Amino acid sequence: QVKLVESGGDLVQPGGSLRLSCVVSGFTLEYYAMSWHRQAPGKERELVASISATGDDIAYADSVKGRFTVSRDNGRNTLYLQMNNLKYEDTAMYYCRRLHGGSWGQGTQVTVSS
């Protein structure tokens, strides 16, 4: 059974940092491109970052470029999202998923507030 479990979300002040983790099971992470998405209240879910199976091909939404870094540890079946210089508009529920479709995790809440 495919399962994705996100963690690491928290309440943080503007300018702060967080690292999100996504532990996967039920499939072999190293064979799949992965992605992070987020959904703010009242908004559509949006793609934030993606990373190829080998980690060689990485892409970011313009709104997070230069602040967020996606990485993966296939040996630990874990996907990461390092988020620096957080802004109010980064407040959202964050989800990981296989880039080309599949199950969603339960998400982890990131709230940026002073």
C-alpha atoms as a PDB file:
ATOM      1  CA  GLN A   1       0.000   0.000   0.000  1.00  0.00           C
ATOM      2  CA  VAL A   2       1.390   3.373  -1.034  1.00  0.00           C
ATOM      3  CA  LYS A   3       1.782   5.753   1.872  1.00  0.00           C
ATOM      4  CA  LEU A   4       3.318   9.232   2.151  1.00  0.00           C
ATOM      5  CA  VAL A   5       3.758  10.898   5.534  1.00  0.00           C
ATOM      6  CA  GLU A   6       4.707  14.569   5.669  1.00  0.00           C
ATOM      7  CA  SER A   7       6.114  16.235   8.768  1.00  0.00           C
ATOM      8  CA  GLY A   8       8.040  19.288   9.872  1.00  0.00           C
ATOM      9  CA  GLY A   9       5.391  21.956   9.530  1.00  0.00           C
ATOM     10  CA  ASP A  10       5.178  24.569  12.265  1.00  0.00           C
ATOM     11  CA  LEU A  11       4.399  28.156  13.157  1.00  0.00           C
ATOM     12  CA  VAL A  12       7.341  30.338  12.189  1.00  0.00           C
ATOM     13  CA  GLN A  13       8.027  34.059  11.967  1.00  0.00           C
ATOM     14  CA  PRO A  14       8.639  35.790   8.650  1.00  0.00           C
ATOM     15  CA  GLY A  15      12.223  35.266   7.583  1.00  0.00           C
ATOM     16  CA  GLY A  16      12.441  31.979   9.428  1.00  0.00           C
ATOM     17  CA  SER A  17      13.233  28.503   8.122  1.00  0.00           C
ATOM     18  CA  LEU A  18      11.694  25.051   8.201  1.00  0.00           C
ATOM     19  CA  ARG A  19      12.581  21.669   6.764  1.00  0.00           C
ATOM     20  CA  LEU A  20       9.739  19.436   5.694  1.00  0.00           C
ATOM     21  CA  SER A  21      10.127  15.686   5.345  1.00  0.00           C
ATOM     22  CA  CYS A  22       8.073  13.155   3.448  1.00  0.00           C
ATOM     23  CA  VAL A  23       8.634   9.497   4.267  1.00  0.00           C
ATOM     24  CA  VAL A  24       7.262   7.124   1.662  1.00  0.00           C
ATOM     25  CA  SER A  25       6.426   3.450   1.756  1.00  0.00           C
ATOM     26  CA  GLY A  26       4.777   0.946  -0.535  1.00  0.00           C
ATOM     27  CA  PHE A  27       6.948   1.845  -3.505  1.00  0.00           C
ATOM     28  CA  THR A  28      10.649   2.263  -4.282  1.00  0.00           C
ATOM     29  CA  LEU A  29      11.401   5.973  -4.058  1.00  0.00           C
ATOM     30  CA  GLU A  30      14.482   5.860  -6.281  1.00  0.00           C
ATOM     31  CA  TYR A  31      12.375   4.978  -9.341  1.00  0.00           C
ATOM     32  CA  TYR A  32      10.074   8.001  -9.147  1.00  0.00           C
ATOM     33  CA  ALA A  33      10.184  11.719  -9.723  1.00  0.00           C
ATOM     34  CA  MET A  34       8.634  13.441  -6.719  1.00  0.00           C
ATOM     35  CA  SER A  35       7.027  16.758  -5.958  1.00  0.00           C
ATOM     36  CA  TRP A  36       5.926  19.117  -3.213  1.00  0.00           C
ATOM     37  CA  HIS A  37       2.638  20.948  -3.457  1.00  0.00           C
ATOM     38  CA  ARG A  38       0.829  23.396  -1.213  1.00  0.00           C
ATOM     39  CA  GLN A  39      -2.681  24.603  -0.703  1.00  0.00           C
ATOM     40  CA  ALA A  40      -3.583  27.812   1.079  1.00  0.00           C
ATOM     41  CA  PRO A  41      -7.105  28.412   2.424  1.00  0.00           C
ATOM     42  CA  GLY A  42      -9.472  29.264  -0.404  1.00  0.00           C
ATOM     43  CA  LYS A  43      -6.879  28.610  -3.088  1.00  0.00           C
ATOM     44  CA  GLU A  44      -6.083  25.851  -5.551  1.00  0.00           C
ATOM     45  CA  ARG A  45      -3.366  23.339  -4.718  1.00  0.00           C
ATOM     46  CA  GLU A  46      -0.174  24.391  -6.506  1.00  0.00           C
ATOM     47  CA  LEU A  47       3.074  22.696  -7.450  1.00  0.00           C
ATOM     48  CA  VAL A  48       5.961  24.120  -5.440  1.00  0.00           C
ATOM     49  CA  ALA A  49       8.936  21.965  -6.407  1.00  0.00           C
ATOM     50  CA  SER A  50       9.766  18.797  -8.283  1.00  0.00           C
ATOM     51  CA  ILE A  51      12.796  16.535  -8.430  1.00  0.00           C
ATOM     52  CA  SER A  52      13.602  13.764 -10.869  1.00  0.00           C
ATOM     53  CA  ALA A  53      14.283  10.193  -9.772  1.00  0.00           C
ATOM     54  CA  THR A  54      18.024  10.747 -10.008  1.00  0.00           C
ATOM     55  CA  GLY A  55      17.880  14.205  -8.475  1.00  0.00           C
ATOM     56  CA  ASP A  56      19.474  15.760 -11.550  1.00  0.00           C
ATOM     57  CA  ASP A  57      16.445  17.661 -12.741  1.00  0.00           C
ATOM     58  CA  ILE A  58      14.867  20.083 -10.271  1.00  0.00           C
ATOM     59  CA  ALA A  59      12.260  22.773 -10.803  1.00  0.00           C
ATOM     60  CA  TYR A  60      10.588  25.370  -8.596  1.00  0.00           C
ATOM     61  CA  ALA A  61       7.586  27.634  -8.747  1.00  0.00           C
ATOM     62  CA  ASP A  62       8.685  31.221  -9.343  1.00  0.00           C
ATOM     63  CA  SER A  63       7.267  32.230  -5.974  1.00  0.00           C
ATOM     64  CA  VAL A  64       9.740  30.039  -4.063  1.00  0.00           C
ATOM     65  CA  LYS A  65      12.777  30.077  -6.343  1.00  0.00           C
ATOM     66  CA  GLY A  66      15.922  30.986  -4.453  1.00  0.00           C
ATOM     67  CA  ARG A  67      14.297  30.312  -1.066  1.00  0.00           C
ATOM     68  CA  PHE A  68      13.236  26.644  -1.179  1.00  0.00           C
ATOM     69  CA  THR A  69      15.395  23.603  -1.882  1.00  0.00           C
ATOM     70  CA  VAL A  70      14.040  20.147  -2.661  1.00  0.00           C
ATOM     71  CA  SER A  71      16.190  17.080  -2.078  1.00  0.00           C
ATOM     72  CA  ARG A  72      15.842  13.362  -1.638  1.00  0.00           C
ATOM     73  CA  ASP A  73      17.481  10.505   0.229  1.00  0.00           C
ATOM     74  CA  ASN A  74      16.455   7.369  -1.609  1.00  0.00           C
ATOM     75  CA  GLY A  75      18.159   5.158   0.963  1.00  0.00           C
ATOM     76  CA  ARG A  76      15.922   6.610   3.656  1.00  0.00           C
ATOM     77  CA  ASN A  77      12.823   6.687   1.416  1.00  0.00           C
ATOM     78  CA  THR A  78      12.544  10.374   2.256  1.00  0.00           C
ATOM     79  CA  LEU A  79      11.898  13.570   0.328  1.00  0.00           C
ATOM     80  CA  TYR A  80      12.797  16.949   1.837  1.00  0.00           C
ATOM     81  CA  LEU A  81      11.868  20.571   1.342  1.00  0.00           C
ATOM     82  CA  GLN A  82      14.165  23.133   2.940  1.00  0.00           C
ATOM     83  CA  MET A  83      12.338  26.446   3.196  1.00  0.00           C
ATOM     84  CA  ASN A  84      14.279  29.616   4.004  1.00  0.00           C
ATOM     85  CA  ASN A  85      13.276  33.264   4.262  1.00  0.00           C
ATOM     86  CA  LEU A  86       9.665  32.287   4.755  1.00  0.00           C
ATOM     87  CA  LYS A  87       6.988  34.819   3.894  1.00  0.00           C
ATOM     88  CA  TYR A  88       3.390  35.262   5.004  1.00  0.00           C
ATOM     89  CA  GLU A  89       2.232  33.991   1.626  1.00  0.00           C
ATOM     90  CA  ASP A  90       3.985  30.655   2.202  1.00  0.00           C
ATOM     91  CA  THR A  91       1.317  29.791   4.766  1.00  0.00           C
ATOM     92  CA  ALA A  92      -0.377  26.626   3.514  1.00  0.00           C
ATOM     93  CA  MET A  93      -0.776  22.915   3.952  1.00  0.00           C
ATOM     94  CA  TYR A  94       2.163  21.196   2.241  1.00  0.00           C
ATOM     95  CA  TYR A  95       1.904  17.814   0.535  1.00  0.00           C
ATOM     96  CA  CYS A  96       4.271  15.466  -1.244  1.00  0.00           C
ATOM     97  CA  ARG A  97       3.391  13.142  -4.082  1.00  0.00           C
ATOM     98  CA  ARG A  98       4.863  11.269  -6.996  1.00  0.00           C
ATOM     99  CA  LEU A  99       5.221  13.915  -9.705  1.00  0.00           C
ATOM    100  CA  HIS A 100       3.173  12.041 -12.289  1.00  0.00           C
ATOM    101  CA  GLY A 101       0.250  11.207 -10.054  1.00  0.00           C
ATOM    102  CA  GLY A 102      -0.814   8.949  -7.236  1.00  0.00           C
ATOM    103  CA  SER A 103      -1.767   9.155  -3.599  1.00  0.00           C
ATOM    104  CA  TRP A 104      -1.507  12.239  -1.435  1.00  0.00           C
ATOM    105  CA  GLY A 105      -0.252  12.256   2.125  1.00  0.00           C
ATOM    106  CA  GLN A 106      -2.149  13.933   4.945  1.00  0.00           C
ATOM    107  CA  GLY A 107      -0.059  17.086   4.622  1.00  0.00           C
ATOM    108  CA  THR A 108       1.817  19.217   7.131  1.00  0.00           C
ATOM    109  CA  GLN A 109       0.766  22.753   8.084  1.00  0.00           C
ATOM    110  CA  VAL A 110       3.153  25.658   7.652  1.00  0.00           C
ATOM    111  CA  THR A 111       2.046  28.943   9.178  1.00  0.00           C
ATOM    112  CA  VAL A 112       4.123  32.092   8.795  1.00  0.00           C
ATOM    113  CA  SER A 113       3.065  34.727  11.258  1.00  0.00           C
ATOM    114  CA  SER A 114       4.536  37.326  13.560  1.00  0.00           C
END
